[in-house]
Structures are given as structure tokens and as C-alpha cells.
Amino acid sequence: MSRHIRLTRSLAIVRLQRQLEHEAYPRLQMGLIVALTGAAGWLLSVLLLALGMDQMALRYPAALAGAYLVFLGLLWLWLRTQAQDYDFLPDLADLGTPGGCDGGAGDVRLPSMQSGGGGDFAGGGASGNFDTATALPADEPGVLSSVGDAVSSVGDADEFAIPLLAIALAIGLAFASLYVVYLAPALFAELLFDGVLSYTLYRRLRNADSSHWLSTAFRRTVLPFALTAVFVALVGAGLAAYAPGAQTLGQALHAAG
């Protein structure tokens, strides 16, 4: 059963996304892009350290910012390659009424479909600084001993702070990477449309609702990268606090051992 609808950007992107998921393994391709981006970030961190930026709280987000530019460049290369390879692009550009019948500009017959809403990236975290001052009776037996045990426990906990920060760093980076990989079908579909098809379909689009591929990529990915940059800066500051003088994660772990 078909219904008469007008071609819009969102409808074209839904069709592209379904084609990508069916034929192109978009998440696998994005996984490779993310891996190359991570390698670029690591190399940039090594380079910045060699140039004298020894503070992890500054070097880590700076390296991530450079890696983000590499990420955008890889998306551009993907777009240039895939726009020529996928044979479903001309089919989408030639959308019209079935059977070759002439219809009004912008009129398309497609199967009735429902598209789910997308989600925005949102990161959550919590930090706390608990300075509790409790008045204790001076004459209560064992009070001084209990306080001493508590201080000793805090000192023992500090020994695990650096390994925990290293684990948190790994988990945070993995989460951000997996989120971008999860977004791949929708992101690639938007990039293909805004980078290639929006010009072909310009006259058929209602309200000509298209945008440049770079603005689309920035809008969909800048928040995950920005939150990750804040996170790695905090981790770098924490590592520097627990391992004064350490310039790398490896040095901080060595100091903890």
C-alpha cells in the first residue's frame, strides 16, 4: 500500500540509512575511522610531549582536538570514495512516481514507513569532595584510634587512585568511540545526502532543506568529542595530582607501583 508524499531531507536520509545498513556495513567502516582517529590522537600526544607540553591535563585534550580534525578529514575521504561506489545513489536521485509516470515536482511515491526518533549524545558524571568534620567526645574510648584507622584507610585508598583513573580513562574513551560507531548509519546517510544528493535533488526538496556535509558532521559529532576532551582533561589533572612529576600515563602507573 502506497501513499502520496513529498520528498523531504529526512525521508531521503531514512532511505539512505536503510540502504547503508543493508549493503555497506557502516559501523564496521566507522570503527576503522575511529581506530585511525585514536592512533592519530596518540601520535599527536607523543608529538606534543616532545615539543614540551608535559602537563597531561592540557596535552590530552589538545591531542584530542587534533584527532577530531583528523576524524573530519577521514569523513571527507569516506564521502569522496563512497559517493562514487554506491549504485543506489542514482536510484535515490531519480525518485519519482512509479512506472515512469510524470508527477509534480517533489512528488514521490514510497511505501508507507515510520522512522524512529534519534537520540542525542549525553554524558553523565559525578564528582564529589567530602570534607566532613564531626565533633567527637574527647573522653570516648577508642576515638583517637578510630580516627587513626580512618586516616590509614584513606592513605591506602590513594594507592588505588591512579589505577582507577587509568581504568576510567580507558572506559571513557571506549564509550565515546562506541557511541560514534553506533551513530554511523545515520551519520553516513546525512553526509551522503548533504555532500552529494542535496544538489541533485534540490528542485524536488520541500523548502530546499539541505546543509553542507561539514556542518552536519560537526553538529552530530562535536558534543561527544567535547565531552571526551573535558573528561580526559580531568583524568589528566587527577593523574598529575596523585603522581606529581609524571608526564605520561605510564609514568603515573609506574609511580603508583
Protein backbone atom coordinates (compact mmCIF):
# COMPACT_ATOMS: atom_id res chain seq x y z
CA MET A 1 0.00 0.00 0.00
CA SER A 2 1.49 3.31 -1.05
CA ARG A 3 0.68 6.82 -0.10
CA HIS A 4 1.44 10.10 -1.83
CA ILE A 5 4.11 12.13 -0.01
CA ARG A 6 6.54 14.88 -0.78
CA LEU A 7 10.28 14.27 -0.78
CA THR A 8 12.00 15.82 2.21
CA ARG A 9 15.51 15.68 3.59
CA SER A 10 14.51 13.44 6.50
CA LEU A 11 12.73 10.99 4.20
CA ALA A 12 15.69 10.77 1.82
CA ILE A 13 18.06 10.22 4.78
CA VAL A 14 15.88 7.41 6.14
CA ARG A 15 16.04 5.65 2.76
CA LEU A 16 19.80 6.16 2.54
CA GLN A 17 20.30 4.85 6.07
CA ARG A 18 18.37 1.68 5.32
CA GLN A 19 20.40 1.12 2.15
CA LEU A 20 23.65 1.63 4.05
CA GLU A 21 22.68 -0.78 6.82
CA HIS A 22 21.67 -3.39 4.25
CA GLU A 23 24.63 -3.13 1.88
CA ALA A 24 27.58 -1.17 3.24
CA TYR A 25 28.48 -2.23 6.83
CA PRO A 26 28.59 1.39 8.06
CA ARG A 27 29.52 0.57 11.65
CA LEU A 28 32.48 -1.50 10.53
CA GLN A 29 33.68 1.39 8.37
CA MET A 30 33.19 3.86 11.19
CA GLY A 31 35.09 1.52 13.52
CA LEU A 32 38.09 1.77 11.20
CA ILE A 33 37.78 5.57 11.08
CA VAL A 34 37.59 5.75 14.87
CA ALA A 35 40.62 3.47 15.21
CA LEU A 36 42.63 5.69 12.87
CA THR A 37 41.44 8.74 14.80
CA GLY A 38 42.61 7.20 18.07
CA ALA A 39 46.01 6.40 16.58
CA ALA A 40 46.29 9.99 15.37
CA GLY A 41 45.42 11.27 18.85
CA TRP A 42 48.11 9.10 20.42
CA LEU A 43 50.72 10.27 17.91
CA LEU A 44 49.75 13.89 18.50
CA SER A 45 50.10 13.41 22.25
CA VAL A 46 53.60 11.97 21.76
CA LEU A 47 54.49 14.89 19.48
CA LEU A 48 53.16 17.49 21.92
CA LEU A 49 55.15 15.86 24.74
CA ALA A 50 58.28 16.03 22.62
CA LEU A 51 57.56 19.72 22.00
CA GLY A 52 57.47 20.38 25.73
CA MET A 53 53.79 20.14 26.68
CA ASP A 54 54.30 17.91 29.70
CA GLN A 55 51.05 18.63 31.56
CA MET A 56 48.62 15.80 30.90
CA ALA A 57 45.59 17.95 31.73
CA LEU A 58 46.48 20.19 28.77
CA ARG A 59 48.13 17.72 26.40
CA TYR A 60 45.34 15.14 26.36
CA PRO A 61 42.52 17.49 25.28
CA ALA A 62 44.85 19.25 22.82
CA ALA A 63 45.71 15.91 21.22
CA LEU A 64 42.01 15.02 21.11
CA ALA A 65 41.23 18.31 19.36
CA GLY A 66 43.83 17.49 16.71
CA ALA A 67 42.41 13.99 16.40
CA TYR A 68 38.97 15.49 15.80
CA LEU A 69 40.32 17.38 12.79
CA VAL A 70 41.78 14.09 11.54
CA PHE A 71 38.36 12.50 12.09
CA LEU A 72 36.67 15.14 9.94
CA GLY A 73 39.31 14.63 7.25
CA LEU A 74 38.65 10.88 7.26
CA LEU A 75 34.93 11.53 6.91
CA TRP A 76 35.70 13.69 3.87
CA LEU A 77 37.78 10.90 2.35
CA TRP A 78 34.98 8.41 3.04
CA LEU A 79 32.47 10.70 1.37
CA ARG A 80 34.63 11.18 -1.71
CA THR A 81 35.10 7.41 -2.04
CA GLN A 82 31.61 6.17 -1.27
CA ALA A 83 29.75 8.72 -3.36
CA GLN A 84 31.27 7.12 -6.47
CA ASP A 85 30.91 3.50 -5.40
CA TYR A 86 27.34 3.01 -4.19
CA ASP A 87 25.00 2.28 -7.04
CA PHE A 88 21.88 3.15 -5.04
CA LEU A 89 22.71 6.87 -5.12
CA PRO A 90 21.45 7.45 -8.68
CA ASP A 91 18.30 5.49 -7.81
CA LEU A 92 17.58 7.90 -4.99
CA ALA A 93 18.33 10.88 -7.20
CA ASP A 94 15.80 9.65 -9.77
CA LEU A 95 12.98 9.22 -7.29
CA GLY A 96 9.63 9.87 -8.91
CA THR A 97 6.24 8.35 -9.32
CA PRO A 98 6.32 4.60 -10.05
CA GLY A 99 6.15 3.33 -13.59
CA GLY A 100 7.78 6.39 -15.07
CA CYS A 101 4.59 8.47 -14.76
CA ASP A 102 5.15 12.18 -14.70
CA GLY A 103 4.20 13.81 -11.46
CA GLY A 104 4.56 17.21 -9.92
CA ALA A 105 7.99 18.43 -8.86
CA GLY A 106 8.87 16.99 -5.50
CA ASP A 107 6.13 14.31 -5.59
CA VAL A 108 7.31 10.81 -4.72
CA ARG A 109 5.58 7.50 -4.13
CA LEU A 110 7.25 5.41 -1.46
CA PRO A 111 5.96 2.64 0.77
CA SER A 112 4.42 3.86 3.98
CA MET A 113 7.07 3.87 6.64
CA GLN A 114 7.68 5.00 10.14
CA SER A 115 11.02 6.23 11.32
CA GLY A 116 12.14 6.22 14.88
CA GLY A 117 13.44 9.29 16.58
CA GLY A 118 17.12 9.76 17.09
CA GLY A 119 18.91 10.37 20.30
CA ASP A 120 21.39 12.99 21.30
CA PHE A 121 24.63 12.22 22.91
CA ALA A 122 24.56 12.97 26.60
CA GLY A 123 27.29 12.14 29.02
CA GLY A 124 26.82 11.99 32.75
CA GLY A 125 29.28 12.01 35.55
CA ALA A 126 29.63 12.85 39.15
CA SER A 127 32.38 14.15 41.28
CA GLY A 128 32.40 14.85 44.92
CA ASN A 129 34.62 16.30 47.59
CA PHE A 130 33.60 15.16 51.00
CA ASP A 131 35.10 17.12 53.85
CA THR A 132 33.17 16.03 56.89
CA ALA A 133 34.06 17.48 60.24
CA THR A 134 32.39 15.67 63.08
CA ALA A 135 32.73 16.66 66.68
CA LEU A 136 33.70 13.62 68.76
CA PRO A 137 33.68 13.38 72.51
CA ALA A 138 37.20 13.62 73.77
CA ASP A 139 36.55 11.15 76.55
CA GLU A 140 35.07 8.41 74.37
CA PRO A 141 37.31 5.33 74.41
CA GLY A 142 38.96 4.43 71.15
CA VAL A 143 38.13 7.71 69.40
CA LEU A 144 41.72 8.55 68.55
CA SER A 145 42.35 5.02 67.45
CA SER A 146 39.31 5.08 65.15
CA VAL A 147 40.42 8.36 63.61
CA GLY A 148 43.87 6.91 63.02
CA ASP A 149 42.39 3.84 61.33
CA ALA A 150 40.28 6.07 59.07
CA VAL A 151 43.28 8.13 58.03
CA SER A 152 45.22 4.97 57.32
CA SER A 153 42.35 3.66 55.19
CA VAL A 154 42.32 6.89 53.17
CA GLY A 155 46.06 6.55 52.63
CA ASP A 156 45.59 3.00 51.40
CA ALA A 157 42.81 4.14 49.04
CA ASP A 158 45.17 6.69 47.47
CA GLU A 159 47.34 3.81 46.25
CA PHE A 160 44.47 2.67 44.02
CA ALA A 161 43.60 6.16 42.72
CA ILE A 162 45.97 6.08 39.74
CA PRO A 163 44.94 2.59 38.51
CA LEU A 164 41.28 3.59 38.89
CA LEU A 165 41.88 6.76 36.91
CA ALA A 166 43.60 4.74 34.19
CA ILE A 167 40.65 2.36 34.05
CA ALA A 168 38.22 5.29 33.94
CA LEU A 169 40.19 6.80 31.06
CA ALA A 170 40.03 3.57 29.08
CA ILE A 171 36.30 3.14 29.74
CA GLY A 172 35.53 6.75 28.85
CA LEU A 173 37.41 6.60 25.56
CA ALA A 174 35.81 3.26 24.71
CA PHE A 175 32.33 4.60 25.47
CA ALA A 176 32.84 7.69 23.29
CA SER A 177 34.20 5.54 20.46
CA LEU A 178 31.35 3.05 20.63
CA TYR A 179 28.82 5.87 20.61
CA VAL A 180 30.25 7.33 17.39
CA VAL A 181 30.29 3.84 15.85
CA TYR A 182 26.65 3.39 16.90
CA LEU A 183 25.77 6.65 15.13
CA ALA A 184 27.46 5.57 11.91
CA PRO A 185 24.42 4.61 9.76
CA ALA A 186 22.53 7.84 10.44
CA LEU A 187 25.66 9.98 10.24
CA PHE A 188 26.86 8.46 6.97
CA ALA A 189 23.38 8.80 5.47
CA GLU A 190 23.28 12.51 6.32
CA LEU A 191 26.78 13.03 4.97
CA LEU A 192 25.93 11.29 1.70
CA PHE A 193 22.80 13.33 1.30
CA ASP A 194 24.29 16.72 2.21
CA GLY A 195 27.54 16.04 0.38
CA VAL A 196 26.17 14.54 -2.84
CA LEU A 197 22.44 14.18 -3.27
CA SER A 198 21.22 17.54 -1.97
CA TYR A 199 22.44 19.18 -5.18
CA THR A 200 20.80 16.56 -7.40
CA LEU A 201 17.50 16.67 -5.52
CA TYR A 202 17.49 20.40 -4.85
CA ARG A 203 14.42 21.12 -7.00
CA ARG A 204 12.48 18.23 -5.51
CA LEU A 205 13.18 19.01 -1.89
CA ARG A 206 10.43 20.75 0.01
CA ASN A 207 11.75 24.05 1.32
CA ALA A 208 15.21 23.06 -0.01
CA ASP A 209 16.12 21.83 3.48
CA SER A 210 19.75 20.81 2.91
CA SER A 211 23.03 21.78 4.52
CA HIS A 212 26.76 21.37 3.95
CA TRP A 213 28.20 17.99 4.90
CA LEU A 214 30.81 19.57 7.19
CA SER A 215 28.18 21.36 9.26
CA THR A 216 26.28 18.07 9.51
CA ALA A 217 29.36 16.18 10.66
CA PHE A 218 30.21 18.91 13.18
CA ARG A 219 26.67 19.06 14.55
CA ARG A 220 26.43 15.30 15.02
CA THR A 221 29.89 14.64 16.49
CA VAL A 222 31.26 17.75 18.22
CA LEU A 223 29.42 17.12 21.50
CA PRO A 224 30.84 13.61 22.06
CA PHE A 225 34.34 14.88 21.29
CA ALA A 226 33.91 17.96 23.51
CA LEU A 227 32.69 15.90 26.47
CA THR A 228 35.51 13.44 25.95
CA ALA A 229 38.02 16.32 25.90
CA VAL A 230 36.71 17.59 29.25
CA PHE A 231 36.85 14.06 30.64
CA VAL A 232 40.45 13.38 29.59
CA ALA A 233 41.48 16.80 30.96
CA LEU A 234 40.02 15.90 34.36
CA VAL A 235 41.70 12.49 34.28
CA GLY A 236 45.00 14.13 33.35
CA ALA A 237 44.65 16.56 36.25
CA GLY A 238 43.86 13.68 38.61
CA LEU A 239 46.89 11.70 37.47
CA ALA A 240 49.12 14.75 37.96
CA ALA A 241 47.70 15.27 41.46
CA TYR A 242 48.31 11.67 42.57
CA ALA A 243 51.63 11.30 40.74
CA PRO A 244 53.41 14.67 40.85
CA GLY A 245 56.05 14.94 38.17
CA ALA A 246 54.53 12.26 35.94
CA GLN A 247 54.23 13.34 32.32
CA THR A 248 52.53 10.27 30.89
CA LEU A 249 50.02 7.66 31.97
CA GLY A 250 52.80 5.06 32.02
CA GLN A 251 54.92 7.17 34.40
CA ALA A 252 51.90 7.67 36.66
CA LEU A 253 51.22 3.92 36.79
CA HIS A 254 54.89 3.28 37.48
CA ALA A 255 54.82 5.74 40.35
CA ALA A 256 51.74 4.00 41.77
CA GLY A 257 53.54 0.66 41.68
